[in-house]
Amino acid sequence: MTSPQKVTFSSEGVSLTGNLFVPDGDAPAPGIVVAGTWTSVKELMADRYAERLADRGYAALSFDFTGFGESGGEPRDVESPDLKIQDIRNAVTFLAGHPAVDGARLGALGVCAAAMYMSAAAADDPRVRSLALVAPWLHDAELCAENYGGDAGVADKISAAEKARARYRETGEVEYVPMVSGSDPRAALPMEVDFYLNPDRGASPPGPTGSPSWPGKSG
């Protein structure tokens, strides 16, 4: 089992914390940036993939996005695709400059929702030479309508999000909703998903904000 190095790097002035899994050997290894699903911290799934990549000869970086886990940033636990894409680009910059990494051989691996963020980051970053997606959650209009109650349901969620954003701008108060729930229609995934709801898999008690508090997660 590969033991990770705890690392920090800057993303738009915020200090992000990650785990760098480096394979055995002296030569610089190809590098992979790894990220997991919505609202997850590195310990939930990204670490597992990064560790196995290191066992296969890659230097793999998992990290907490801005506002999540051990990383800095406010507000906490807010899902922002644009911000996550920027964090990934800064993670690539960190990995490219690390002495254990061959900066000319970089790739990205995204699990579930991170497949969207990794794809967007890789599309505009020539440093990322390869891209792997695991169980990708790739939104398009048809998929959103199918999962969120048709066009009317999608419109309702967009309206609720716009109201919550306006409230945050006015008051600084964040309105949190569950990431996944089989009973709460406000949830980002309003359906039964065993991985997230099963305590033997990805489920965990809620933290102070009402959101899951996986190991290493704050907020």
C-alpha atoms as a PDB file:
ATOM      1  CA  MET A   1       0.000   0.000   0.000  1.00  0.00           C
ATOM      2  CA  THR A   2       1.335   3.413  -1.030  1.00  0.00           C
ATOM      3  CA  SER A   3       1.416   6.023   1.755  1.00  0.00           C
ATOM      4  CA  PRO A   4       0.444   9.513   0.574  1.00  0.00           C
ATOM      5  CA  GLN A   5       2.318  12.740   1.129  1.00  0.00           C
ATOM      6  CA  LYS A   6       0.175  15.544   2.539  1.00  0.00           C
ATOM      7  CA  VAL A   7       0.558  18.547   0.225  1.00  0.00           C
ATOM      8  CA  THR A   8      -0.834  22.044  -0.137  1.00  0.00           C
ATOM      9  CA  PHE A   9      -1.064  24.340  -3.138  1.00  0.00           C
ATOM     10  CA  SER A  10      -2.716  27.619  -4.004  1.00  0.00           C
ATOM     11  CA  SER A  11      -5.843  28.042  -6.106  1.00  0.00           C
ATOM     12  CA  GLU A  12      -6.806  31.666  -6.745  1.00  0.00           C
ATOM     13  CA  GLY A  13      -5.384  32.661  -3.373  1.00  0.00           C
ATOM     14  CA  VAL A  14      -6.985  29.805  -1.418  1.00  0.00           C
ATOM     15  CA  SER A  15      -4.842  27.066   0.122  1.00  0.00           C
ATOM     16  CA  LEU A  16      -5.979  23.615  -1.006  1.00  0.00           C
ATOM     17  CA  THR A  17      -4.932  20.395   0.724  1.00  0.00           C
ATOM     18  CA  GLY A  18      -4.294  17.137  -1.071  1.00  0.00           C
ATOM     19  CA  ASN A  19      -2.760  13.699  -0.840  1.00  0.00           C
ATOM     20  CA  LEU A  20      -0.002  12.890  -3.306  1.00  0.00           C
ATOM     21  CA  PHE A  21       0.563   9.196  -3.908  1.00  0.00           C
ATOM     22  CA  VAL A  22       4.019   8.618  -5.411  1.00  0.00           C
ATOM     23  CA  PRO A  23       5.118   5.260  -6.828  1.00  0.00           C
ATOM     24  CA  ASP A  24       8.346   3.538  -5.861  1.00  0.00           C
ATOM     25  CA  GLY A  25      11.429   4.423  -7.884  1.00  0.00           C
ATOM     26  CA  ASP A  26      13.671   7.404  -8.492  1.00  0.00           C
ATOM     27  CA  ALA A  27      12.596   8.506 -11.970  1.00  0.00           C
ATOM     28  CA  PRO A  28       9.868  11.155 -12.326  1.00  0.00           C
ATOM     29  CA  ALA A  29       6.524   9.416 -12.887  1.00  0.00           C
ATOM     30  CA  PRO A  30       3.616  10.424 -15.107  1.00  0.00           C
ATOM     31  CA  GLY A  31       1.121  12.434 -13.056  1.00  0.00           C
ATOM     32  CA  ILE A  32      -2.645  12.087 -12.657  1.00  0.00           C
ATOM     33  CA  VAL A  33      -5.056  14.517 -10.993  1.00  0.00           C
ATOM     34  CA  VAL A  34      -7.979  12.634  -9.417  1.00  0.00           C
ATOM     35  CA  ALA A  35     -11.327  13.991  -8.207  1.00  0.00           C
ATOM     36  CA  GLY A  36     -14.575  12.488  -6.971  1.00  0.00           C
ATOM     37  CA  THR A  37     -18.255  13.220  -7.050  1.00  0.00           C
ATOM     38  CA  TRP A  38     -20.413  16.143  -5.902  1.00  0.00           C
ATOM     39  CA  THR A  39     -19.637  17.428  -2.398  1.00  0.00           C
ATOM     40  CA  SER A  40     -17.140  14.635  -1.729  1.00  0.00           C
ATOM     41  CA  VAL A  41     -13.811  14.993   0.016  1.00  0.00           C
ATOM     42  CA  LYS A  42     -10.670  13.213  -1.077  1.00  0.00           C
ATOM     43  CA  GLU A  43     -11.076  10.439   1.518  1.00  0.00           C
ATOM     44  CA  LEU A  44     -14.438   9.310   0.137  1.00  0.00           C
ATOM     45  CA  MET A  45     -13.309   8.008  -3.246  1.00  0.00           C
ATOM     46  CA  ALA A  46     -10.483   9.980  -4.900  1.00  0.00           C
ATOM     47  CA  ASP A  47      -7.859   8.601  -2.500  1.00  0.00           C
ATOM     48  CA  ARG A  48      -8.771   5.045  -3.438  1.00  0.00           C
ATOM     49  CA  TYR A  49      -8.221   5.625  -7.136  1.00  0.00           C
ATOM     50  CA  ALA A  50      -5.063   7.646  -6.521  1.00  0.00           C
ATOM     51  CA  GLU A  51      -3.577   4.903  -4.372  1.00  0.00           C
ATOM     52  CA  ARG A  52      -4.196   2.258  -7.010  1.00  0.00           C
ATOM     53  CA  LEU A  53      -2.759   4.473  -9.729  1.00  0.00           C
ATOM     54  CA  ALA A  54       0.417   4.875  -7.658  1.00  0.00           C
ATOM     55  CA  ASP A  55       0.629   1.096  -7.319  1.00  0.00           C
ATOM     56  CA  ARG A  56       0.691   1.029 -11.130  1.00  0.00           C
ATOM     57  CA  GLY A  57       3.481   3.578 -11.515  1.00  0.00           C
ATOM     58  CA  TYR A  58       1.673   6.931 -11.585  1.00  0.00           C
ATOM     59  CA  ALA A  59       2.081   9.906  -9.258  1.00  0.00           C
ATOM     60  CA  ALA A  60      -1.558  10.596  -8.365  1.00  0.00           C
ATOM     61  CA  LEU A  61      -2.939  13.675  -6.620  1.00  0.00           C
ATOM     62  CA  SER A  62      -6.294  13.709  -4.838  1.00  0.00           C
ATOM     63  CA  PHE A  63      -7.355  16.939  -3.151  1.00  0.00           C
ATOM     64  CA  ASP A  64     -10.191  18.812  -1.470  1.00  0.00           C
ATOM     65  CA  PHE A  65     -11.792  21.501  -3.603  1.00  0.00           C
ATOM     66  CA  THR A  66     -12.187  25.080  -2.392  1.00  0.00           C
ATOM     67  CA  GLY A  67     -14.557  25.132   0.571  1.00  0.00           C
ATOM     68  CA  PHE A  68     -14.413  21.386   1.162  1.00  0.00           C
ATOM     69  CA  GLY A  69     -12.616  19.131   3.609  1.00  0.00           C
ATOM     70  CA  GLU A  70      -9.187  20.302   4.721  1.00  0.00           C
ATOM     71  CA  SER A  71      -8.970  23.035   2.092  1.00  0.00           C
ATOM     72  CA  GLY A  72      -9.628  26.691   2.782  1.00  0.00           C
ATOM     73  CA  GLY A  73     -12.270  28.860   1.215  1.00  0.00           C
ATOM     74  CA  GLU A  74     -15.722  30.207   1.982  1.00  0.00           C
ATOM     75  CA  PRO A  75     -18.581  29.480   1.842  1.00  0.00           C
ATOM     76  CA  ARG A  76     -18.221  25.843   2.850  1.00  0.00           C
ATOM     77  CA  ASP A  77     -19.620  22.857   0.962  1.00  0.00           C
ATOM     78  CA  VAL A  78     -20.965  24.792  -2.018  1.00  0.00           C
ATOM     79  CA  GLU A  79     -20.953  23.050  -5.383  1.00  0.00           C
ATOM     80  CA  SER A  80     -19.566  25.464  -7.999  1.00  0.00           C
ATOM     81  CA  PRO A  81     -18.577  23.883 -11.334  1.00  0.00           C
ATOM     82  CA  ASP A  82     -16.601  26.939 -12.456  1.00  0.00           C
ATOM     83  CA  LEU A  83     -14.643  27.037  -9.207  1.00  0.00           C
ATOM     84  CA  LYS A  84     -13.939  23.315  -9.275  1.00  0.00           C
ATOM     85  CA  ILE A  85     -12.668  23.519 -12.856  1.00  0.00           C
ATOM     86  CA  GLN A  86     -10.303  26.315 -11.805  1.00  0.00           C
ATOM     87  CA  ASP A  87      -9.128  24.230  -8.844  1.00  0.00           C
ATOM     88  CA  ILE A  88      -8.352  21.339 -11.193  1.00  0.00           C
ATOM     89  CA  ARG A  89      -6.250  23.600 -13.413  1.00  0.00           C
ATOM     90  CA  ASN A  90      -4.281  24.758 -10.383  1.00  0.00           C
ATOM     91  CA  ALA A  91      -3.878  21.145  -9.247  1.00  0.00           C
ATOM     92  CA  VAL A  92      -2.395  20.366 -12.666  1.00  0.00           C
ATOM     93  CA  THR A  93       0.007  23.280 -12.244  1.00  0.00           C
ATOM     94  CA  PHE A  94       1.104  21.961  -8.864  1.00  0.00           C
ATOM     95  CA  LEU A  95       1.540  18.431 -10.167  1.00  0.00           C
ATOM     96  CA  ALA A  96       3.477  19.590 -13.241  1.00  0.00           C
ATOM     97  CA  GLY A  97       6.003  21.363 -11.026  1.00  0.00           C
ATOM     98  CA  HIS A  98       6.533  18.593  -8.504  1.00  0.00           C
ATOM     99  CA  PRO A  99       9.990  16.955  -8.646  1.00  0.00           C
ATOM    100  CA  ALA A 100       8.507  13.442  -8.463  1.00  0.00           C
ATOM    101  CA  VAL A 101       6.354  14.081 -11.547  1.00  0.00           C
ATOM    102  CA  ASP A 102       7.139  14.120 -15.263  1.00  0.00           C
ATOM    103  CA  GLY A 103       5.376  17.343 -16.228  1.00  0.00           C
ATOM    104  CA  ALA A 104       5.268  16.318 -19.888  1.00  0.00           C
ATOM    105  CA  ARG A 105       3.085  13.299 -19.059  1.00  0.00           C
ATOM    106  CA  LEU A 106      -0.010  14.457 -17.231  1.00  0.00           C
ATOM    107  CA  GLY A 107      -3.522  13.062 -17.142  1.00  0.00           C
ATOM    108  CA  ALA A 108      -6.807  13.456 -15.301  1.00  0.00           C
ATOM    109  CA  LEU A 109      -9.313  11.036 -13.803  1.00  0.00           C
ATOM    110  CA  GLY A 110     -12.827  12.109 -12.824  1.00  0.00           C
ATOM    111  CA  VAL A 111     -15.357  10.002 -10.942  1.00  0.00           C
ATOM    112  CA  CYS A 112     -19.101  10.640 -11.293  1.00  0.00           C
ATOM    113  CA  ALA A 113     -19.767  14.429 -11.331  1.00  0.00           C
ATOM    114  CA  ALA A 114     -16.044  15.176 -11.474  1.00  0.00           C
ATOM    115  CA  ALA A 115     -16.158  13.683 -14.965  1.00  0.00           C
ATOM    116  CA  MET A 116     -17.800  16.951 -16.058  1.00  0.00           C
ATOM    117  CA  TYR A 117     -15.232  19.116 -14.307  1.00  0.00           C
ATOM    118  CA  MET A 118     -12.242  17.079 -15.492  1.00  0.00           C
ATOM    119  CA  SER A 119     -13.536  17.075 -19.077  1.00  0.00           C
ATOM    120  CA  ALA A 120     -13.994  20.834 -19.063  1.00  0.00           C
ATOM    121  CA  ALA A 121     -10.560  21.422 -17.544  1.00  0.00           C
ATOM    122  CA  ALA A 122      -8.807  19.006 -19.901  1.00  0.00           C
ATOM    123  CA  ALA A 123     -10.505  20.420 -23.010  1.00  0.00           C
ATOM    124  CA  ASP A 124      -8.820  23.802 -22.490  1.00  0.00           C
ATOM    125  CA  ASP A 125      -5.520  22.646 -21.001  1.00  0.00           C
ATOM    126  CA  PRO A 126      -2.951  21.217 -23.439  1.00  0.00           C
ATOM    127  CA  ARG A 127      -0.859  19.996 -20.489  1.00  0.00           C
ATOM    128  CA  VAL A 128      -3.445  17.274 -19.834  1.00  0.00           C
ATOM    129  CA  ARG A 129      -2.569  14.583 -22.356  1.00  0.00           C
ATOM    130  CA  SER A 130      -5.071  11.903 -21.288  1.00  0.00           C
ATOM    131  CA  LEU A 131      -8.493  11.771 -19.649  1.00  0.00           C
ATOM    132  CA  ALA A 132     -10.280   8.883 -17.910  1.00  0.00           C
ATOM    133  CA  LEU A 133     -13.872   8.992 -16.628  1.00  0.00           C
ATOM    134  CA  VAL A 134     -15.352   6.528 -14.115  1.00  0.00           C
ATOM    135  CA  ALA A 135     -19.157   6.181 -13.871  1.00  0.00           C
ATOM    136  CA  PRO A 136     -19.451   9.628 -15.480  1.00  0.00           C
ATOM    137  CA  TRP A 137     -22.370  11.868 -14.530  1.00  0.00           C
ATOM    138  CA  LEU A 138     -22.540  14.072 -17.632  1.00  0.00           C
ATOM    139  CA  HIS A 139     -25.421  16.503 -17.622  1.00  0.00           C
ATOM    140  CA  ASP A 140     -27.310  17.503 -20.736  1.00  0.00           C
ATOM    141  CA  ALA A 141     -30.844  18.853 -21.136  1.00  0.00           C
ATOM    142  CA  GLU A 142     -32.354  15.421 -21.714  1.00  0.00           C
ATOM    143  CA  LEU A 143     -30.683  13.854 -18.673  1.00  0.00           C
ATOM    144  CA  CYS A 144     -31.666  16.764 -16.428  1.00  0.00           C
ATOM    145  CA  ALA A 145     -35.307  16.572 -17.531  1.00  0.00           C
ATOM    146  CA  GLU A 146     -35.331  12.815 -16.966  1.00  0.00           C
ATOM    147  CA  ASN A 147     -34.017  13.090 -13.406  1.00  0.00           C
ATOM    148  CA  TYR A 148     -35.604  16.307 -12.200  1.00  0.00           C
ATOM    149  CA  GLY A 149     -39.252  16.079 -13.201  1.00  0.00           C
ATOM    150  CA  GLY A 150     -39.243  17.239 -16.802  1.00  0.00           C
ATOM    151  CA  ASP A 151     -38.751  20.770 -18.079  1.00  0.00           C
ATOM    152  CA  ALA A 152     -40.978  22.202 -15.343  1.00  0.00           C
ATOM    153  CA  GLY A 153     -38.980  20.437 -12.629  1.00  0.00           C
ATOM    154  CA  VAL A 154     -35.698  21.722 -14.062  1.00  0.00           C
ATOM    155  CA  ALA A 155     -37.096  25.247 -14.208  1.00  0.00           C
ATOM    156  CA  ASP A 156     -38.163  24.998 -10.554  1.00  0.00           C
ATOM    157  CA  LYS A 157     -34.665  23.945  -9.479  1.00  0.00           C
ATOM    158  CA  ILE A 158     -33.049  26.764 -11.458  1.00  0.00           C
ATOM    159  CA  SER A 159     -35.458  29.256  -9.883  1.00  0.00           C
ATOM    160  CA  ALA A 160     -34.710  27.958  -6.376  1.00  0.00           C
ATOM    161  CA  ALA A 161     -30.968  28.169  -7.061  1.00  0.00           C
ATOM    162  CA  GLU A 162     -31.238  31.737  -8.309  1.00  0.00           C
ATOM    163  CA  LYS A 163     -33.183  32.749  -5.200  1.00  0.00           C
ATOM    164  CA  ALA A 164     -30.619  31.071  -2.929  1.00  0.00           C
ATOM    165  CA  ARG A 165     -27.771  32.821  -4.767  1.00  0.00           C
ATOM    166  CA  ALA A 166     -29.476  36.187  -4.432  1.00  0.00           C
ATOM    167  CA  ARG A 167     -30.009  35.554  -0.712  1.00  0.00           C
ATOM    168  CA  TYR A 168     -26.329  34.713  -0.270  1.00  0.00           C
ATOM    169  CA  ARG A 169     -25.262  37.891  -2.057  1.00  0.00           C
ATOM    170  CA  GLU A 170     -27.567  39.982   0.111  1.00  0.00           C
ATOM    171  CA  THR A 171     -27.017  38.323   3.492  1.00  0.00           C
ATOM    172  CA  GLY A 172     -24.000  35.997   3.229  1.00  0.00           C
ATOM    173  CA  GLU A 173     -26.272  33.148   4.317  1.00  0.00           C
ATOM    174  CA  VAL A 174     -26.034  29.830   2.446  1.00  0.00           C
ATOM    175  CA  GLU A 175     -29.159  27.743   1.952  1.00  0.00           C
ATOM    176  CA  TYR A 176     -28.078  24.102   2.032  1.00  0.00           C
ATOM    177  CA  VAL A 177     -29.933  21.179   0.493  1.00  0.00           C
ATOM    178  CA  PRO A 178     -29.090  17.467   0.740  1.00  0.00           C
ATOM    179  CA  MET A 179     -26.731  16.073  -1.875  1.00  0.00           C
ATOM    180  CA  VAL A 180     -28.808  12.878  -2.157  1.00  0.00           C
ATOM    181  CA  SER A 181     -32.114  11.825  -0.633  1.00  0.00           C
ATOM    182  CA  GLY A 182     -34.859   9.363  -1.438  1.00  0.00           C
ATOM    183  CA  SER A 183     -37.416  11.507   0.380  1.00  0.00           C
ATOM    184  CA  ASP A 184     -36.412  15.175   0.021  1.00  0.00           C
ATOM    185  CA  PRO A 185     -37.254  16.583  -3.440  1.00  0.00           C
ATOM    186  CA  ARG A 186     -34.834  19.498  -2.888  1.00  0.00           C
ATOM    187  CA  ALA A 187     -31.856  17.125  -3.048  1.00  0.00           C
ATOM    188  CA  ALA A 188     -29.330  17.398  -5.854  1.00  0.00           C
ATOM    189  CA  LEU A 189     -29.993  13.694  -6.435  1.00  0.00           C
ATOM    190  CA  PRO A 190     -33.636  13.189  -5.369  1.00  0.00           C
ATOM    191  CA  MET A 191     -33.474   9.404  -5.533  1.00  0.00           C
ATOM    192  CA  GLU A 192     -32.287   6.354  -3.657  1.00  0.00           C
ATOM    193  CA  VAL A 193     -28.575   5.829  -4.375  1.00  0.00           C
ATOM    194  CA  ASP A 194     -27.121   3.009  -2.295  1.00  0.00           C
ATOM    195  CA  PHE A 195     -23.517   4.228  -2.324  1.00  0.00           C
ATOM    196  CA  TYR A 196     -24.401   7.537  -0.667  1.00  0.00           C
ATOM    197  CA  LEU A 197     -27.170   6.323   1.649  1.00  0.00           C
ATOM    198  CA  ASN A 198     -25.659   3.039   2.836  1.00  0.00           C
ATOM    199  CA  PRO A 199     -23.568   3.504   6.040  1.00  0.00           C
ATOM    200  CA  ASP A 200     -21.387   0.580   4.959  1.00  0.00           C
ATOM    201  CA  ARG A 201     -20.430   2.457   1.800  1.00  0.00           C
ATOM    202  CA  GLY A 202     -20.475   6.252   1.363  1.00  0.00           C
ATOM    203  CA  ALA A 203     -23.020   7.423   3.942  1.00  0.00           C
ATOM    204  CA  SER A 204     -21.979   9.287   7.071  1.00  0.00           C
ATOM    205  CA  PRO A 205     -23.570  11.411   9.813  1.00  0.00           C
ATOM    206  CA  PRO A 206     -24.321  15.044   8.918  1.00  0.00           C
ATOM    207  CA  GLY A 207     -21.907  17.768   9.902  1.00  0.00           C
ATOM    208  CA  PRO A 208     -22.703  21.179  11.415  1.00  0.00           C
ATOM    209  CA  THR A 209     -24.167  22.475   8.148  1.00  0.00           C
ATOM    210  CA  GLY A 210     -26.400  19.446   7.738  1.00  0.00           C
ATOM    211  CA  SER A 211     -24.207  18.086   4.953  1.00  0.00           C
ATOM    212  CA  PRO A 212     -22.288  14.808   5.241  1.00  0.00           C
ATOM    213  CA  SER A 213     -19.079  14.967   7.258  1.00  0.00           C
ATOM    214  CA  TRP A 214     -16.690  12.435   5.784  1.00  0.00           C
ATOM    215  CA  PRO A 215     -13.260  12.010   7.412  1.00  0.00           C
ATOM    216  CA  GLY A 216     -11.293  15.214   6.947  1.00  0.00           C
ATOM    217  CA  LYS A 217     -14.365  17.253   6.001  1.00  0.00           C
ATOM    218  CA  SER A 218     -15.117  20.523   7.720  1.00  0.00           C
ATOM    219  CA  GLY A 219     -18.145  22.724   7.548  1.00  0.00           C
END
